[in-house]
Structure formats: C-alpha cells, structure tokens
C-alpha atoms as a PDB file:
ATOM      1  CA  MET A   1     194.893 -43.499-223.444  1.00  0.00           C
ATOM      2  CA  ASN A   2     191.222 -43.798-222.566  1.00  0.00           C
ATOM      3  CA  ARG A   3     188.699 -41.434-224.052  1.00  0.00           C
ATOM      4  CA  LEU A   4     185.012 -41.424-223.219  1.00  0.00           C
ATOM      5  CA  LEU A   5     182.688 -40.406-226.010  1.00  0.00           C
ATOM      6  CA  ARG A   6     178.987 -39.891-225.263  1.00  0.00           C
ATOM      7  CA  ILE A   7     176.730 -39.693-228.266  1.00  0.00           C
ATOM      8  CA  ALA A   8     173.077 -38.700-228.192  1.00  0.00           C
ATOM      9  CA  GLY A   9     171.253 -41.081-230.508  1.00  0.00           C
ATOM     10  CA  ILE A  10     167.702 -40.821-231.700  1.00  0.00           C
ATOM     11  CA  ALA A  11     165.496 -43.851-231.094  1.00  0.00           C
ATOM     12  CA  ALA A  12     162.368 -44.024-233.205  1.00  0.00           C
ATOM     13  CA  ALA A  13     159.807 -46.377-234.667  1.00  0.00           C
ATOM     14  CA  VAL A  14     160.275 -46.511-238.426  1.00  0.00           C
ATOM     15  CA  ALA A  15     158.405 -47.913-241.384  1.00  0.00           C
ATOM     16  CA  PHE A  16     159.414 -51.055-243.244  1.00  0.00           C
ATOM     17  CA  GLY A  17     157.605 -51.201-246.576  1.00  0.00           C
ATOM     18  CA  SER A  18     154.284 -49.419-246.473  1.00  0.00           C
ATOM     19  CA  ALA A  19     153.325 -50.082-242.856  1.00  0.00           C
ATOM     20  CA  ALA A  20     154.910 -48.595-239.736  1.00  0.00           C
ATOM     21  CA  HIS A  21     156.408 -51.198-237.427  1.00  0.00           C
ATOM     22  CA  ALA A  22     156.360 -49.510-234.016  1.00  0.00           C
ATOM     23  CA  ALA A  23     158.425 -52.221-232.284  1.00  0.00           C
ATOM     24  CA  VAL A  24     161.586 -51.564-234.311  1.00  0.00           C
ATOM     25  CA  MET A  25     163.956 -49.061-232.708  1.00  0.00           C
ATOM     26  CA  VAL A  26     166.501 -47.371-234.970  1.00  0.00           C
ATOM     27  CA  THR A  27     169.553 -45.415-233.843  1.00  0.00           C
ATOM     28  CA  ALA A  28     171.296 -43.255-236.434  1.00  0.00           C
ATOM     29  CA  LEU A  29     174.525 -41.642-235.251  1.00  0.00           C
ATOM     30  CA  PRO A  30     174.564 -37.834-235.648  1.00  0.00           C
ATOM     31  CA  SER A  31     177.590 -38.296-237.899  1.00  0.00           C
ATOM     32  CA  PRO A  32     179.094 -41.559-239.205  1.00  0.00           C
ATOM     33  CA  LEU A  33     181.717 -43.005-236.874  1.00  0.00           C
ATOM     34  CA  GLU A  34     185.030 -43.989-238.459  1.00  0.00           C
ATOM     35  CA  ILE A  35     186.396 -47.053-236.634  1.00  0.00           C
ATOM     36  CA  HIS A  36     190.030 -47.357-237.603  1.00  0.00           C
ATOM     37  CA  ASP A  37     193.386 -47.645-235.865  1.00  0.00           C
ATOM     38  CA  ASP A  38     196.824 -47.546-237.444  1.00  0.00           C
ATOM     39  CA  PHE A  39     198.511 -49.153-234.455  1.00  0.00           C
ATOM     40  CA  PHE A  40     197.553 -51.893-231.993  1.00  0.00           C
ATOM     41  CA  GLY A  41     194.025 -51.443-230.840  1.00  0.00           C
ATOM     42  CA  ARG A  42     190.901 -49.359-230.673  1.00  0.00           C
ATOM     43  CA  TYR A  43     187.789 -50.629-228.922  1.00  0.00           C
ATOM     44  CA  ASP A  44     184.242 -49.293-229.421  1.00  0.00           C
ATOM     45  CA  PRO A  45     181.671 -51.034-227.190  1.00  0.00           C
ATOM     46  CA  ILE A  46     178.067 -50.748-228.377  1.00  0.00           C
ATOM     47  CA  ASP A  47     175.005 -51.001-226.148  1.00  0.00           C
ATOM     48  CA  VAL A  48     172.394 -51.751-228.816  1.00  0.00           C
ATOM     49  CA  ASP A  49     169.263 -51.505-226.642  1.00  0.00           C
ATOM     50  CA  GLY A  50     170.508 -48.814-224.226  1.00  0.00           C
ATOM     51  CA  ASN A  51     170.137 -50.942-221.084  1.00  0.00           C
ATOM     52  CA  GLY A  52     173.674 -50.302-219.786  1.00  0.00           C
ATOM     53  CA  THR A  53     175.139 -53.622-220.990  1.00  0.00           C
ATOM     54  CA  VAL A  54     177.686 -53.862-223.794  1.00  0.00           C
ATOM     55  CA  ASP A  55     176.248 -56.117-226.504  1.00  0.00           C
ATOM     56  CA  PHE A  56     179.056 -55.972-229.092  1.00  0.00           C
ATOM     57  CA  THR A  57     182.501 -54.379-229.273  1.00  0.00           C
ATOM     58  CA  PHE A  58     184.140 -53.227-232.489  1.00  0.00           C
ATOM     59  CA  VAL A  59     187.911 -53.810-232.463  1.00  0.00           C
ATOM     60  CA  SER A  60     190.264 -52.175-234.965  1.00  0.00           C
ATOM     61  CA  THR A  61     194.015 -52.516-235.489  1.00  0.00           C
ATOM     62  CA  PHE A  62     196.421 -51.985-238.374  1.00  0.00           C
ATOM     63  CA  SER A  63     195.545 -55.503-239.584  1.00  0.00           C
ATOM     64  CA  GLY A  64     191.794 -54.993-239.850  1.00  0.00           C
ATOM     65  CA  THR A  65     188.502 -54.434-238.040  1.00  0.00           C
ATOM     66  CA  GLY A  66     185.982 -56.822-236.560  1.00  0.00           C
ATOM     67  CA  PHE A  67     183.750 -57.183-233.535  1.00  0.00           C
ATOM     68  CA  GLN A  68     183.527 -59.217-230.355  1.00  0.00           C
ATOM     69  CA  THR A  69     180.341 -60.952-229.177  1.00  0.00           C
ATOM     70  CA  PRO A  70     180.146 -61.076-225.351  1.00  0.00           C
ATOM     71  CA  ASN A  71     177.432 -62.923-223.387  1.00  0.00           C
ATOM     72  CA  PHE A  72     176.908 -65.507-226.174  1.00  0.00           C
ATOM     73  CA  ASN A  73     175.566 -62.819-228.510  1.00  0.00           C
ATOM     74  CA  ARG A  74     175.874 -63.731-232.183  1.00  0.00           C
ATOM     75  CA  GLY A  75     176.277 -62.414-235.708  1.00  0.00           C
ATOM     76  CA  ILE A  76     175.392 -63.865-239.115  1.00  0.00           C
ATOM     77  CA  ILE A  77     178.334 -65.373-240.982  1.00  0.00           C
ATOM     78  CA  ARG A  78     179.247 -67.268-244.106  1.00  0.00           C
ATOM     79  CA  LEU A  79     180.835 -70.458-242.821  1.00  0.00           C
ATOM     80  CA  ASP A  80     184.426 -71.010-243.922  1.00  0.00           C
ATOM     81  CA  PRO A  81     185.187 -74.432-245.431  1.00  0.00           C
ATOM     82  CA  PRO A  82     186.751 -77.078-243.133  1.00  0.00           C
ATOM     83  CA  PRO A  83     189.104 -77.300-241.355  1.00  0.00           C
ATOM     84  CA  ASN A  84     188.512 -73.593-240.644  1.00  0.00           C
ATOM     85  CA  ILE A  85     186.192 -72.607-237.801  1.00  0.00           C
ATOM     86  CA  GLY A  86     183.686 -69.778-238.015  1.00  0.00           C
ATOM     87  CA  GLY A  87     183.626 -67.286-240.847  1.00  0.00           C
ATOM     88  CA  PRO A  88     183.220 -63.623-241.796  1.00  0.00           C
ATOM     89  CA  PRO A  89     180.077 -61.572-241.128  1.00  0.00           C
ATOM     90  CA  VAL A  90     177.966 -61.292-244.264  1.00  0.00           C
ATOM     91  CA  ALA A  91     176.740 -58.088-245.917  1.00  0.00           C
ATOM     92  CA  LEU A  92     172.996 -58.776-245.936  1.00  0.00           C
ATOM     93  CA  GLN A  93     170.649 -57.518-248.623  1.00  0.00           C
ATOM     94  CA  VAL A  94     167.977 -55.014-247.626  1.00  0.00           C
ATOM     95  CA  GLY A  95     164.834 -56.943-246.742  1.00  0.00           C
ATOM     96  CA  TYR A  96     166.610 -60.113-245.585  1.00  0.00           C
ATOM     97  CA  ILE A  97     164.792 -61.572-242.566  1.00  0.00           C
ATOM     98  CA  ILE A  98     167.058 -61.693-239.509  1.00  0.00           C
ATOM     99  CA  GLY A  99     165.664 -64.239-237.067  1.00  0.00           C
ATOM    100  CA  ALA A 100     166.195 -67.630-235.430  1.00  0.00           C
ATOM    101  CA  ILE A 101     165.996 -69.446-238.773  1.00  0.00           C
ATOM    102  CA  LEU A 102     168.164 -68.080-241.571  1.00  0.00           C
ATOM    103  CA  ALA A 103     167.282 -68.504-245.229  1.00  0.00           C
ATOM    104  CA  PRO A 104     170.143 -69.226-247.643  1.00  0.00           C
ATOM    105  CA  SER A 105     171.576 -66.257-249.528  1.00  0.00           C
ATOM    106  CA  ALA A 106     171.918 -66.348-253.310  1.00  0.00           C
ATOM    107  CA  PHE A 107     175.299 -68.065-253.105  1.00  0.00           C
ATOM    108  CA  HIS A 108     175.742 -69.801-249.744  1.00  0.00           C
ATOM    109  CA  GLU A 109     174.232 -70.913-246.470  1.00  0.00           C
ATOM    110  CA  LEU A 110     174.248 -68.453-243.579  1.00  0.00           C
ATOM    111  CA  PHE A 111     174.773 -69.308-239.913  1.00  0.00           C
ATOM    112  CA  TRP A 112     174.676 -67.721-236.475  1.00  0.00           C
ATOM    113  CA  ASP A 113     178.071 -67.592-234.746  1.00  0.00           C
ATOM    114  CA  ASP A 114     179.164 -66.305-231.323  1.00  0.00           C
ATOM    115  CA  SER A 115     182.920 -66.126-231.948  1.00  0.00           C
ATOM    116  CA  ASP A 116     184.894 -62.940-232.642  1.00  0.00           C
ATOM    117  CA  MET A 117     184.492 -61.887-236.276  1.00  0.00           C
ATOM    118  CA  SER A 118     186.692 -60.070-238.791  1.00  0.00           C
ATOM    119  CA  ILE A 119     184.843 -57.658-241.066  1.00  0.00           C
ATOM    120  CA  VAL A 120     188.005 -56.605-242.894  1.00  0.00           C
ATOM    121  CA  GLN A 121     191.371 -58.396-242.832  1.00  0.00           C
ATOM    122  CA  VAL A 122     194.572 -56.820-244.117  1.00  0.00           C
ATOM    123  CA  LEU A 123     197.284 -59.357-244.962  1.00  0.00           C
ATOM    124  CA  SER A 124     200.692 -59.194-246.594  1.00  0.00           C
ATOM    125  CA  THR A 125     199.073 -60.594-249.744  1.00  0.00           C
ATOM    126  CA  GLY A 126     196.217 -58.049-249.762  1.00  0.00           C
ATOM    127  CA  SER A 127     192.935 -57.512-247.959  1.00  0.00           C
ATOM    128  CA  ALA A 128     189.700 -59.460-247.700  1.00  0.00           C
ATOM    129  CA  SER A 129     186.107 -58.600-246.777  1.00  0.00           C
ATOM    130  CA  GLU A 130     182.576 -59.769-247.525  1.00  0.00           C
ATOM    131  CA  PHE A 131     181.657 -56.077-247.873  1.00  0.00           C
ATOM    132  CA  ASN A 132     182.028 -53.851-250.901  1.00  0.00           C
ATOM    133  CA  GLY A 133     180.539 -50.605-249.633  1.00  0.00           C
ATOM    134  CA  ARG A 134     177.544 -50.098-247.371  1.00  0.00           C
ATOM    135  CA  GLY A 135     175.717 -53.096-245.938  1.00  0.00           C
ATOM    136  CA  VAL A 136     174.007 -54.681-242.959  1.00  0.00           C
ATOM    137  CA  ILE A 137     175.360 -57.143-240.359  1.00  0.00           C
ATOM    138  CA  GLY A 138     172.686 -59.312-238.731  1.00  0.00           C
ATOM    139  CA  LEU A 139     172.730 -59.464-234.911  1.00  0.00           C
ATOM    140  CA  GLU A 140     171.293 -61.581-232.131  1.00  0.00           C
ATOM    141  CA  PHE A 141     171.719 -60.392-228.540  1.00  0.00           C
ATOM    142  CA  ARG A 142     170.439 -61.315-225.112  1.00  0.00           C
ATOM    143  CA  ALA A 143     168.539 -59.040-222.722  1.00  0.00           C
ATOM    144  CA  GLN A 144     166.641 -59.675-219.486  1.00  0.00           C
ATOM    145  CA  ASP A 145     163.397 -60.339-221.354  1.00  0.00           C
ATOM    146  CA  GLY A 146     164.896 -62.732-223.903  1.00  0.00           C
ATOM    147  CA  ILE A 147     166.699 -62.854-227.253  1.00  0.00           C
ATOM    148  CA  HIS A 148     166.411 -59.921-229.648  1.00  0.00           C
ATOM    149  CA  TYR A 149     167.356 -59.462-233.305  1.00  0.00           C
ATOM    150  CA  GLY A 150     168.843 -56.441-234.986  1.00  0.00           C
ATOM    151  CA  TYR A 151     171.537 -55.187-237.327  1.00  0.00           C
ATOM    152  CA  PHE A 152     174.488 -52.838-237.685  1.00  0.00           C
ATOM    153  CA  ASP A 153     174.511 -50.452-240.645  1.00  0.00           C
ATOM    154  CA  ILE A 154     178.133 -50.112-241.805  1.00  0.00           C
ATOM    155  CA  SER A 155     180.335 -49.627-244.821  1.00  0.00           C
ATOM    156  CA  ALA A 156     183.569 -51.526-245.376  1.00  0.00           C
ATOM    157  CA  GLY A 157     185.594 -53.097-248.122  1.00  0.00           C
ATOM    158  CA  ARG A 158     188.938 -54.281-249.331  1.00  0.00           C
ATOM    159  CA  GLY A 159     191.856 -51.868-249.312  1.00  0.00           C
ATOM    160  CA  TYR A 160     190.945 -50.142-246.036  1.00  0.00           C
ATOM    161  CA  ALA A 161     191.486 -51.649-242.585  1.00  0.00           C
ATOM    162  CA  GLY A 162     188.694 -49.684-240.919  1.00  0.00           C
ATOM    163  CA  ILE A 163     184.921 -49.451-241.222  1.00  0.00           C
ATOM    164  CA  THR A 164     182.290 -46.726-241.002  1.00  0.00           C
ATOM    165  CA  LEU A 165     179.392 -47.187-238.569  1.00  0.00           C
ATOM    166  CA  TYR A 166     176.165 -45.327-239.420  1.00  0.00           C
ATOM    167  CA  GLY A 167     173.917 -46.787-236.740  1.00  0.00           C
ATOM    168  CA  TRP A 168     171.916 -49.843-235.792  1.00  0.00           C
ATOM    169  CA  ALA A 169     168.381 -51.138-235.229  1.00  0.00           C
ATOM    170  CA  TRP A 170     166.728 -53.795-233.102  1.00  0.00           C
ATOM    171  CA  GLU A 171     163.354 -55.456-232.596  1.00  0.00           C
ATOM    172  CA  THR A 172     161.977 -54.727-229.103  1.00  0.00           C
ATOM    173  CA  GLU A 173     159.778 -57.833-229.032  1.00  0.00           C
ATOM    174  CA  PRO A 174     161.830 -60.837-227.861  1.00  0.00           C
ATOM    175  CA  GLY A 175     162.204 -63.602-230.424  1.00  0.00           C
ATOM    176  CA  LYS A 176     160.704 -61.579-233.270  1.00  0.00           C
ATOM    177  CA  ALA A 177     162.587 -61.311-236.548  1.00  0.00           C
ATOM    178  CA  ILE A 178     163.597 -58.003-238.102  1.00  0.00           C
ATOM    179  CA  PHE A 179     164.054 -57.015-241.736  1.00  0.00           C
ATOM    180  CA  ALA A 180     167.555 -55.905-242.715  1.00  0.00           C
ATOM    181  CA  GLY A 181     167.522 -52.329-243.944  1.00  0.00           C
ATOM    182  CA  GLN A 182     169.654 -49.246-244.153  1.00  0.00           C
ATOM    183  CA  VAL A 183     169.282 -46.717-241.342  1.00  0.00           C
ATOM    184  CA  PRO A 184     167.407 -43.770-242.906  1.00  0.00           C
ATOM    185  CA  GLU A 185     168.698 -40.219-242.739  1.00  0.00           C
ATOM    186  CA  PRO A 186     167.173 -38.300-239.784  1.00  0.00           C
ATOM    187  CA  SER A 187     165.456 -35.859-242.140  1.00  0.00           C
ATOM    188  CA  SER A 188     163.540 -38.679-243.811  1.00  0.00           C
ATOM    189  CA  TRP A 189     162.454 -40.648-240.729  1.00  0.00           C
ATOM    190  CA  ILE A 190     158.826 -41.622-240.380  1.00  0.00           C
ATOM    191  CA  LEU A 191     158.393 -41.120-236.657  1.00  0.00           C
ATOM    192  CA  ALA A 192     155.763 -42.728-234.482  1.00  0.00           C
ATOM    193  CA  GLY A 193     157.522 -41.257-231.438  1.00  0.00           C
ATOM    194  CA  VAL A 194     160.957 -39.830-230.823  1.00  0.00           C
ATOM    195  CA  ALA A 195     163.099 -40.303-227.719  1.00  0.00           C
ATOM    196  CA  THR A 196     166.679 -39.397-227.025  1.00  0.00           C
ATOM    197  CA  ALA A 197     168.799 -42.410-226.064  1.00  0.00           C
ATOM    198  CA  SER A 198     172.146 -41.929-224.378  1.00  0.00           C
ATOM    199  CA  LEU A 199     174.497 -44.343-226.084  1.00  0.00           C
ATOM    200  CA  LEU A 200     177.940 -44.895-224.664  1.00  0.00           C
ATOM    201  CA  LEU A 201     180.913 -45.592-226.866  1.00  0.00           C
ATOM    202  CA  LEU A 202     184.245 -46.181-225.174  1.00  0.00           C
ATOM    203  CA  ARG A 203     187.268 -45.473-227.355  1.00  0.00           C
ATOM    204  CA  ARG A 204     190.440 -46.997-226.005  1.00  0.00           C
ATOM    205  CA  ARG A 205     193.847 -46.803-227.611  1.00  0.00           C
ATOM    206  CA  GLU A 206     196.692 -48.924-226.398  1.00  0.00           C
END
C-alpha cells in the first residue's frame, strides 16, 4: 500500500552560539515522525535541500531501522573492526563539526561511509544501537552546486526497532562545515527569514 504524505516544513536561518549563521537552513517537522514498521518494510525518502531529489531514505522493518544513501551520499559512522565492513551511524555531540575532515570522538575514530546503515538492530540476542535517546547523525550529500553537509535530528535506542525523526539541517554553502546541534522548537527559533518548504515523504508498506 502506497501512501503519500506531504509535510509543510519551515526553513529558517538559525543561530549557532551567539552569532546568527544565515547560511544554515533548519527544517523542524510540525510533529515528530515515528518511523517504525512491525512487518517487512516502510520507506521514508527525505529531500534534505528541497530540490526534488531524494538524498536519504529511512527504512524500517521488524528487525530495525536504518537509512539508505543514494547518489554516493554519506553518513558519519564508527568503523566496525575487521573483517566487518562499514559501521553504525554515530550519535554526534552538539557542537561537533561536520565537514570533509572528521575529528576523532572521545572514544573512537569517525569516518564517512556511503553504504546502507543500521541505526537500530533487533536480534534474537537483543538489540544494538549507538544511540541512547536524542542525537544527531552527520550527513554529506550532493547537489548541482557541489557537496553539502548537514544532519538529521533523531532519537533512537536499544529495545525499540524504530526511531523518531524531529527534523534536519544543512549548510547552503557547498563544501562548508556545519555544527551538529538539536533542531530548536519552532517557538524558540531565531529567524533571519522564514520560508515554507514543501517536503515530500513517501511512506510505503509492503
């Protein structure tokens, strides 16, 4: 069954620290989106910059939730030890600089990866996730004018196969890093200008 869900997001320039950074566009969903499926598949494509191209797709099944990275887009991961390939997306601390060069976290090196990623895995022996509540996933995606950096604001954790998506943000200047940070509540936004962005989420159940 295919269901089309159109959500009006609010795009705005917001402040990081004490100075407004007009090139950062933040989208906060009107209400948090629960991404969860008890059966065999739910797909939520996300067009981060609103240009009509899907940049990432959240995928949820009874065994967990993750996201796909089309067009060589990438997310920040903690690399699994060999012989494993890839790794889980990391819950970044607020203020972490998301850019071409990644600084180590307190406990491990971080890497960019363009493979499909599992945010939460539910196994017969239990569940696993790098998240324990609300956090930020670092993003890199390609547009016509170059590579951009951004983040998803989500909550996830062990014991639940789904996630909650609150919104996302991205840097409009190609190649420029962005600071990881929680999406603020609409009532507390510091607005340099407000525009309504039509953001398309496609929910498909199979």
